[in-house]
Amino acid sequence: MREQMEARLKTLRREYEKGQTQLRQLEFQTSSLRETLLRINGATLVLEEILSLPASLEIADERTVTADASDDSKSATSAA
């Protein structure tokens, strides 16, 4: 009878350790997923804010970005 209880105790300890390992893995996955969702949410908020701007501002911003990119490429060419 004692041998059976010791064997059962051993089995339960192994199962407990497996459960602990699995719990740690799931907690890591949960944390990673939360971080990913926060990044997605932030990107969504930024895009929603940009899309809510009047069209005239969007066009002005595009010209500024295009002009900035042209200036950067000219500077890089001049430096070479």
Foldseek 3Di string as FASTA:
>chain_A
DVVVVVVVVVVVVVVVVVVVVVVVVVVVVVVVVVVVVVVVVVVVVVVVVVVPDDPVVVVVVVVVVVVVVVVVVVVVVVVD
